[in-house]
Amino acid sequence: MRTVIERLVRRGRLHRRAEGRACLYRPAESRAEAPKPSRRSPRRLVDGFAALAVTGLVESLRGDDEQMARLRAAGAGRARAGDGAVSEHLGG
């Protein structure tokens, strides 16, 4: 979540104000001024979330060679089968 907020601040979509040890955020534009979302926005959100989720999973498995091997096998099996059969390779 912090990464998303930081990106919005850098892009000028959010304003940040420090208050003690916390930060308060507010939109840079009113709802009426904000650009209307495109139909592609939900897909981009899902794609972005998927990339973050996979990255987090891989990072959490560093040093666990057995789990990493299962993950690799799941990806290879899914690519060969062309379906979502990942959970059976992961024991799920």
C-alpha atoms as a PDB file:
ATOM      1  CA  MET A   1       0.000   0.000   0.000  1.00  0.00           C
ATOM      2  CA  ARG A   2       2.818   2.360   0.859  1.00  0.00           C
ATOM      3  CA  THR A   3       4.298   1.949  -2.624  1.00  0.00           C
ATOM      4  CA  VAL A   4       1.015   2.934  -4.266  1.00  0.00           C
ATOM      5  CA  ILE A   5       0.698   6.000  -2.039  1.00  0.00           C
ATOM      6  CA  GLU A   6       4.292   7.049  -2.759  1.00  0.00           C
ATOM      7  CA  ARG A   7       3.670   6.750  -6.492  1.00  0.00           C
ATOM      8  CA  LEU A   8       0.547   8.881  -6.217  1.00  0.00           C
ATOM      9  CA  VAL A   9       2.497  11.531  -4.289  1.00  0.00           C
ATOM     10  CA  ARG A  10       5.303  11.526  -6.897  1.00  0.00           C
ATOM     11  CA  ARG A  11       2.767  11.839  -9.716  1.00  0.00           C
ATOM     12  CA  GLY A  12       1.114  14.781  -8.009  1.00  0.00           C
ATOM     13  CA  ARG A  13      -2.182  12.976  -7.347  1.00  0.00           C
ATOM     14  CA  LEU A  14      -1.855  13.152  -3.545  1.00  0.00           C
ATOM     15  CA  HIS A  15      -0.524  15.788  -1.175  1.00  0.00           C
ATOM     16  CA  ARG A  16       1.283  14.631   1.960  1.00  0.00           C
ATOM     17  CA  ARG A  17       1.580  16.560   5.220  1.00  0.00           C
ATOM     18  CA  ALA A  18       3.551  15.349   8.213  1.00  0.00           C
ATOM     19  CA  GLU A  19       1.741  15.532  11.508  1.00  0.00           C
ATOM     20  CA  GLY A  20       3.903  14.248  14.336  1.00  0.00           C
ATOM     21  CA  ARG A  21       5.093  10.780  13.402  1.00  0.00           C
ATOM     22  CA  ALA A  22       2.195  10.258  11.003  1.00  0.00           C
ATOM     23  CA  CYS A  23       1.499  11.558   7.526  1.00  0.00           C
ATOM     24  CA  LEU A  24      -1.835  12.858   6.338  1.00  0.00           C
ATOM     25  CA  TYR A  25      -2.783  12.543   2.683  1.00  0.00           C
ATOM     26  CA  ARG A  26      -5.364  14.399   0.654  1.00  0.00           C
ATOM     27  CA  PRO A  27      -6.218  14.325  -3.038  1.00  0.00           C
ATOM     28  CA  ALA A  28      -4.514  16.934  -5.204  1.00  0.00           C
ATOM     29  CA  GLU A  29      -7.743  17.489  -7.173  1.00  0.00           C
ATOM     30  CA  SER A  30     -11.386  17.510  -6.272  1.00  0.00           C
ATOM     31  CA  ARG A  31     -13.519  14.630  -7.539  1.00  0.00           C
ATOM     32  CA  ALA A  32     -14.979  16.925 -10.198  1.00  0.00           C
ATOM     33  CA  GLU A  33     -11.497  17.936 -11.426  1.00  0.00           C
ATOM     34  CA  ALA A  34     -10.053  14.421 -11.447  1.00  0.00           C
ATOM     35  CA  PRO A  35      -9.736  12.669 -14.794  1.00  0.00           C
ATOM     36  CA  LYS A  36     -12.394  10.066 -15.499  1.00  0.00           C
ATOM     37  CA  PRO A  37     -11.101   6.498 -15.302  1.00  0.00           C
ATOM     38  CA  SER A  38     -10.826   4.579 -18.534  1.00  0.00           C
ATOM     39  CA  ARG A  39     -12.277   1.146 -19.080  1.00  0.00           C
ATOM     40  CA  ARG A  40      -8.744  -0.215 -18.969  1.00  0.00           C
ATOM     41  CA  SER A  41      -8.167   1.015 -15.410  1.00  0.00           C
ATOM     42  CA  PRO A  42      -9.543  -2.100 -13.637  1.00  0.00           C
ATOM     43  CA  ARG A  43      -7.370  -4.368 -15.785  1.00  0.00           C
ATOM     44  CA  ARG A  44      -4.266  -2.291 -15.048  1.00  0.00           C
ATOM     45  CA  LEU A  45      -5.095  -2.444 -11.339  1.00  0.00           C
ATOM     46  CA  VAL A  46      -5.444  -6.234 -11.428  1.00  0.00           C
ATOM     47  CA  ASP A  47      -2.254  -6.623 -13.471  1.00  0.00           C
ATOM     48  CA  GLY A  48      -0.359  -4.391 -11.059  1.00  0.00           C
ATOM     49  CA  PHE A  49      -1.675  -6.273  -8.044  1.00  0.00           C
ATOM     50  CA  ALA A  50      -0.753  -9.623  -9.586  1.00  0.00           C
ATOM     51  CA  ALA A  51       2.812  -8.473 -10.192  1.00  0.00           C
ATOM     52  CA  LEU A  52       3.116  -7.229  -6.599  1.00  0.00           C
ATOM     53  CA  ALA A  53       1.610 -10.439  -5.219  1.00  0.00           C
ATOM     54  CA  VAL A  54       3.975 -12.671  -7.190  1.00  0.00           C
ATOM     55  CA  THR A  55       6.972 -10.534  -6.257  1.00  0.00           C
ATOM     56  CA  GLY A  56       5.970 -10.725  -2.583  1.00  0.00           C
ATOM     57  CA  LEU A  57       5.524 -14.485  -2.795  1.00  0.00           C
ATOM     58  CA  VAL A  58       8.921 -15.010  -4.394  1.00  0.00           C
ATOM     59  CA  GLU A  59      10.591 -12.702  -1.855  1.00  0.00           C
ATOM     60  CA  SER A  60       8.970 -14.588   1.031  1.00  0.00           C
ATOM     61  CA  LEU A  61      10.257 -17.910  -0.332  1.00  0.00           C
ATOM     62  CA  ARG A  62      13.896 -16.854  -0.639  1.00  0.00           C
ATOM     63  CA  GLY A  63      16.046 -19.443   1.061  1.00  0.00           C
ATOM     64  CA  ASP A  64      13.301 -22.104   0.902  1.00  0.00           C
ATOM     65  CA  ASP A  65      14.631 -24.196  -1.981  1.00  0.00           C
ATOM     66  CA  GLU A  66      11.904 -26.833  -1.720  1.00  0.00           C
ATOM     67  CA  GLN A  67       9.075 -24.301  -1.997  1.00  0.00           C
ATOM     68  CA  MET A  68      10.852 -22.449  -4.818  1.00  0.00           C
ATOM     69  CA  ALA A  69      11.185 -25.755  -6.724  1.00  0.00           C
ATOM     70  CA  ARG A  70       7.439 -26.352  -6.258  1.00  0.00           C
ATOM     71  CA  LEU A  71       6.687 -22.851  -7.509  1.00  0.00           C
ATOM     72  CA  ARG A  72       8.876 -23.354 -10.584  1.00  0.00           C
ATOM     73  CA  ALA A  73       7.231 -26.716 -11.293  1.00  0.00           C
ATOM     74  CA  ALA A  74       3.794 -25.154 -10.903  1.00  0.00           C
ATOM     75  CA  GLY A  75       4.635 -22.431 -13.390  1.00  0.00           C
ATOM     76  CA  ALA A  76       6.112 -24.916 -15.864  1.00  0.00           C
ATOM     77  CA  GLY A  77       3.131 -27.256 -15.489  1.00  0.00           C
ATOM     78  CA  ARG A  78       0.672 -24.443 -16.016  1.00  0.00           C
ATOM     79  CA  ALA A  79       2.515 -23.236 -19.102  1.00  0.00           C
ATOM     80  CA  ARG A  80       2.428 -26.773 -20.572  1.00  0.00           C
ATOM     81  CA  ALA A  81      -1.196 -27.448 -19.635  1.00  0.00           C
ATOM     82  CA  GLY A  82      -2.470 -23.989 -20.515  1.00  0.00           C
ATOM     83  CA  ASP A  83      -4.746 -23.980 -17.467  1.00  0.00           C
ATOM     84  CA  GLY A  84      -4.787 -22.828 -13.850  1.00  0.00           C
ATOM     85  CA  ALA A  85      -3.461 -26.063 -12.359  1.00  0.00           C
ATOM     86  CA  VAL A  86      -0.964 -24.302 -10.100  1.00  0.00           C
ATOM     87  CA  SER A  87      -2.596 -25.235  -6.789  1.00  0.00           C
ATOM     88  CA  GLU A  88      -2.085 -28.984  -7.281  1.00  0.00           C
ATOM     89  CA  HIS A  89       1.672 -28.473  -7.670  1.00  0.00           C
ATOM     90  CA  LEU A  90       1.755 -26.414  -4.473  1.00  0.00           C
ATOM     91  CA  GLY A  91      -0.137 -29.011  -2.505  1.00  0.00           C
ATOM     92  CA  GLY A  92      -3.420 -27.018  -2.512  1.00  0.00           C
END
